[in-house]
Amino acid sequence: LVVSVVYSLIKMALNMNTMRGLNKKAVASAPGRKSLVCQAVSAPPTTQFRAGVVQGPELIELFEHAQNKKFAIPAVNCTSSSIMNATMEAAKEAGAPVMVQFSNGGGTFITGKGVSNKDEQSSIAGCIAGAMHVRSLAKYYGVPVVLHTDHCSKKLLPWFDGLMDANREHFNSTGQAMFSSHMLDLSEEPIPENLEICQKYLKIMSPMGMLLEMELGITGGEEDGVDNSDVKQEDLYSKPEEILEVYDALESIAPKGYSIAAAFGNVHGVYSPGNVQLTPKILDAAQKYVKEKKGLSSDKPIYFVFHGGSGSSRAEIREAIEYGVVKMNIDTDTQWAYWDGVRAYEAKNRDYLQGQIGNPEGPGKPNKNKYDPRAWMRSGERAIVDRMQIAFEDLNCVNV
């Protein structure tokens, strides 16, 4: 009921006309990869892909392009419209695709902390609101945008189910799911259970043109209230045999319709150089193993995802991309960037921020243009845009 009411209210406020002509069967069946060079609706495209939210065959094509050109797409955890806009603006400056993703806690914050999250209603509603915001604005930035949700553990499956309801309702009315992809993080469960649940949801998602990201092994550290700081060291590294199990379980359901967040020593958060021991060659070994065991022609049959990349060197990031990483999560660094931009603004304008009236120019001079939230929030946004240019460079994802 919460999903239906929230979705209906948001949909009434948005113009859906550009989506109504889509063929539902074409999206659901995910046909073979074709050239997807299109013109943006409201802004000239800055990449070879269509501007706006991409999903289904377009997203598979984008991942293939990333592997072939050896770049990865940054995925930014967004908790407000300000951060969503800054993320898309950063992609526009880089001439590159980007992922806007929401965590369970991020969805709750978007709804507002004054709303109860009983039965995950707030986290569901916030993610829907964020997705509709991006859907209505992404085309104006002239870049492809992937709409994604982050880690969903077993205890958060009611949140995932609510998002599936929203996707189904959006698909039935427009021919497209609400989101491009979702992540299930069942890495703490036994592998057979992990794969069984992933299979169940991929069968729901694939006909609507959505990809599934799954996690295998555990990413250490802490993020969004999930603390894996004390996990066993061996759990931080995935095995080729385990990745083959994922391929066998999911490939027949949706060929190329999934990605794997494999563990190769990566850790959430930011740490001093040398404190995190990344082993990207684990990914290379897995690609070779799957290719050999399945008799495949592709050198990179798996789309890999890089979690916990904050503090990693450019060389480590580029090595992981060589082995088939197509997406890297960015959260800690953008959180700091936003705060650092606001901090710098306050330091520069401190004498104008001590009261509504009175500053170095005179006791009766107003300060409204300094304390207006749009002024200092914009400083935070620009700091994210600038920090993201470094990320795009690290990921070899500039003018792609």
Foldseek 3Di string as FASTA:
>chain_A
DLLVVLLVVLVVVADQVVQAVDDLQCLLVLDDADQAQDAFDADGALASHYWAEDFFSSVLVLLVVCLVVLFAAEEEEDQEVLQVVLQLLLCLVQSFEHEYEYELVSQLNQQPVVDDCVLPSSSLSSLLVVLSSRRRCRSNSNYYYFYEYDEDEPVNVSSVVSQLVQQVVCCVRRSAGSGREYEYEHQVPPLVVQLVVVLVVLLSANSRRHAYEYEHFDAAADDPHDHRPPPDPVSQADALVSVLVNCVSPCVSPNSRYAYAGGQQAHADADEPPPTDGDLVRLQVNLVVNCVVVVHPDSARHAYEAERCHHPDLVSLSSNSNSHHHYYYDYNVLVVLLVVLLVVLCVVCVQLPPDQACGPVGRGHGSCVSPPVVNSSVSSSVSSSVVVVVVCVSRVGGSD
